[in-house]
Amino acid sequence: MKRVILASWLLVLIVAAPVSAEPRWPDQGWQVTPTSLAYDELLEDLREAVEAEGMFVVTEAGPTEAAANRGVTIPGNRVVGVFRNDYAVRILRLSVPAMIEAPMRFYVTENDDGSATLSWKTPTHLLEPYVDAAGEELETVGRELDTLFAAIAKRATEESG
């Protein structure tokens, strides 16, 4: 009986623990850019940067609003899928399986201090598992997308002073 009570209290503590917005990011394939921008501001700046760089926001998903509708408060958290049809066609011609990686995503997270972080997995990292079968051209597409994603991130995180 004591084990059941102890296990129950442990479960309560785990469930009640706050969600931390200061994650430890994996080393490989990730680009992480902390900013002093507020979450909503970074999210809007990202959308504008995507358009300015000739790409499109094709998906958005995040648990923050749904959690709030249930009365649960968590830090801002949004995944923004970005892509463009000409890249989709090029990738499909080289590797049908590689299209599972599209749209490629940016991740906007709210930090404990109210600032936000922009992160993403580099397109070359996402496409790397398919290069052996698809050939060097897929690696070229990945490098082109790396350049576009870096330009989007730079534009989105530039802070006017």
Protein backbone atom coordinates (compact mmCIF):
# COMPACT_ATOMS: atom_id res chain seq x y z
CA MET A 1 0.00 0.00 0.00
CA LYS A 2 2.86 2.37 0.83
CA ARG A 3 4.32 1.78 -2.65
CA VAL A 4 1.02 2.71 -4.28
CA ILE A 5 0.78 5.92 -2.25
CA LEU A 6 4.42 6.80 -2.98
CA ALA A 7 3.96 6.08 -6.68
CA SER A 8 0.78 8.19 -6.72
CA TRP A 9 2.55 11.16 -5.11
CA LEU A 10 5.47 10.81 -7.52
CA LEU A 11 3.04 10.85 -10.43
CA VAL A 12 1.33 13.95 -9.03
CA LEU A 13 4.69 15.74 -8.73
CA ILE A 14 5.69 14.83 -12.28
CA VAL A 15 2.35 15.93 -13.75
CA ALA A 16 2.31 19.13 -11.70
CA ALA A 17 5.86 20.12 -12.68
CA PRO A 18 5.91 23.26 -14.84
CA VAL A 19 6.78 23.01 -18.50
CA SER A 20 10.19 24.56 -19.02
CA ALA A 21 10.61 26.77 -22.08
CA GLU A 22 14.42 26.62 -21.80
CA PRO A 23 15.10 23.28 -23.54
CA ARG A 24 18.38 21.56 -24.20
CA TRP A 25 18.64 21.41 -27.98
CA PRO A 26 20.33 18.50 -29.76
CA ASP A 27 23.71 19.36 -31.24
CA GLN A 28 23.36 17.81 -34.67
CA GLY A 29 21.37 19.50 -37.38
CA TRP A 30 19.82 22.24 -35.26
CA GLN A 31 20.20 25.99 -35.52
CA VAL A 32 19.01 27.84 -32.42
CA THR A 33 18.72 31.64 -32.20
CA PRO A 34 17.67 33.12 -28.88
CA THR A 35 16.26 36.66 -29.18
CA SER A 36 15.00 39.41 -26.91
CA LEU A 37 11.82 39.57 -29.00
CA ALA A 38 8.53 38.61 -27.41
CA TYR A 39 6.96 35.35 -28.61
CA ASP A 40 4.11 37.00 -30.58
CA GLU A 41 6.52 39.50 -32.14
CA LEU A 42 8.97 36.81 -33.25
CA LEU A 43 6.14 34.72 -34.67
CA GLU A 44 4.85 37.69 -36.72
CA ASP A 45 8.38 38.63 -37.82
CA LEU A 46 8.96 35.04 -38.93
CA ARG A 47 5.82 35.03 -41.07
CA GLU A 48 6.88 38.31 -42.69
CA ALA A 49 10.44 37.04 -43.26
CA VAL A 50 9.19 33.86 -44.92
CA GLU A 51 7.17 35.91 -47.40
CA ALA A 52 10.01 38.41 -47.95
CA GLU A 53 12.36 35.55 -48.86
CA GLY A 54 9.92 34.13 -51.42
CA MET A 55 8.78 31.13 -49.41
CA PHE A 56 5.35 30.28 -48.02
CA VAL A 57 3.96 29.36 -44.60
CA VAL A 58 2.04 26.19 -45.42
CA THR A 59 1.32 24.86 -41.93
CA GLU A 60 1.20 26.08 -38.34
CA ALA A 61 0.64 24.05 -35.23
CA GLY A 62 1.12 24.54 -31.53
CA PRO A 63 -0.38 23.43 -28.24
CA THR A 64 -0.47 26.83 -26.48
CA GLU A 65 -3.94 28.00 -27.53
CA ALA A 66 -5.52 24.56 -27.19
CA ALA A 67 -4.06 24.23 -23.70
CA ALA A 68 -5.41 27.69 -22.78
CA ASN A 69 -8.88 26.61 -23.94
CA ARG A 70 -8.60 23.80 -21.39
CA GLY A 71 -7.49 26.20 -18.66
CA VAL A 72 -3.83 25.16 -18.83
CA THR A 73 -1.14 27.80 -19.24
CA ILE A 74 2.04 26.83 -21.07
CA PRO A 75 4.69 28.99 -22.73
CA GLY A 76 4.14 30.01 -26.36
CA ASN A 77 5.05 27.18 -28.69
CA ARG A 78 4.49 27.16 -32.46
CA VAL A 79 5.81 25.03 -35.32
CA VAL A 80 5.70 26.86 -38.65
CA GLY A 81 5.97 24.76 -41.80
CA VAL A 82 7.66 26.57 -44.67
CA PHE A 83 8.07 25.45 -48.26
CA ARG A 84 7.59 26.28 -51.92
CA ASN A 85 6.22 24.18 -54.77
CA ASP A 86 9.28 24.35 -57.03
CA TYR A 87 11.35 22.75 -54.27
CA ALA A 88 8.66 20.11 -53.75
CA VAL A 89 8.77 19.19 -57.45
CA ARG A 90 12.58 19.05 -57.49
CA ILE A 91 12.72 16.86 -54.40
CA LEU A 92 9.99 14.53 -55.66
CA ARG A 93 11.85 14.01 -58.91
CA LEU A 94 14.91 12.99 -56.92
CA SER A 95 13.37 11.08 -54.00
CA VAL A 96 9.73 10.38 -53.24
CA PRO A 97 10.58 9.30 -49.65
CA ALA A 98 12.41 12.60 -48.98
CA MET A 99 9.15 14.54 -49.34
CA ILE A 100 8.16 13.34 -45.87
CA GLU A 101 10.48 16.13 -44.67
CA ALA A 102 8.33 18.82 -46.32
CA PRO A 103 7.27 21.28 -45.26
CA MET A 104 10.46 22.04 -43.37
CA ARG A 105 9.80 23.72 -40.08
CA PHE A 106 10.77 26.62 -37.88
CA TYR A 107 10.06 26.36 -34.19
CA VAL A 108 9.20 29.45 -32.11
CA THR A 109 9.34 28.93 -28.35
CA GLU A 110 8.67 31.34 -25.53
CA ASN A 111 11.34 31.51 -22.83
CA ASP A 112 10.76 31.91 -19.09
CA ASP A 113 11.78 35.60 -19.26
CA GLY A 114 9.18 36.41 -21.96
CA SER A 115 11.68 36.43 -24.82
CA ALA A 116 11.47 33.92 -27.66
CA THR A 117 13.81 31.55 -29.47
CA LEU A 118 13.75 30.64 -33.15
CA SER A 119 15.09 27.21 -34.02
CA TRP A 120 15.03 24.80 -36.93
CA LYS A 121 16.62 21.67 -38.27
CA THR A 122 18.73 22.50 -41.29
CA PRO A 123 17.35 21.25 -44.60
CA THR A 124 20.64 19.47 -45.38
CA HIS A 125 20.29 17.58 -42.10
CA LEU A 126 16.70 16.64 -42.92
CA LEU A 127 17.54 15.48 -46.45
CA GLU A 128 20.84 13.74 -45.60
CA PRO A 129 19.31 10.26 -45.08
CA TYR A 130 18.04 10.30 -48.68
CA VAL A 131 21.15 11.58 -50.47
CA ASP A 132 22.85 8.21 -50.99
CA ALA A 133 19.85 6.89 -52.92
CA ALA A 134 18.88 10.17 -54.62
CA GLY A 135 22.29 11.56 -55.55
CA GLU A 136 24.20 14.80 -55.21
CA GLU A 137 21.41 16.94 -56.65
CA LEU A 138 19.36 16.36 -53.50
CA GLU A 139 22.30 17.61 -51.45
CA THR A 140 22.37 20.71 -53.69
CA VAL A 141 18.67 21.32 -53.02
CA GLY A 142 19.36 21.00 -49.29
CA ARG A 143 22.15 23.58 -49.45
CA GLU A 144 19.90 25.99 -51.36
CA LEU A 145 17.22 25.56 -48.71
CA ASP A 146 19.83 26.01 -45.95
CA THR A 147 20.65 29.40 -47.45
CA LEU A 148 16.96 30.37 -47.65
CA PHE A 149 16.23 29.22 -44.11
CA ALA A 150 19.25 31.11 -42.76
CA ALA A 151 18.10 34.26 -44.59
CA ILE A 152 14.57 33.88 -43.18
CA ALA A 153 15.95 33.41 -39.67
CA LYS A 154 18.28 36.39 -39.97
CA ARG A 155 15.47 38.63 -41.21
CA ALA A 156 13.04 37.37 -38.54
CA THR A 157 15.45 37.84 -35.66
CA GLU A 158 16.89 41.22 -36.63
CA GLU A 159 15.98 43.56 -33.85
CA SER A 160 15.58 47.22 -34.66
CA GLY A 161 17.25 49.42 -32.17
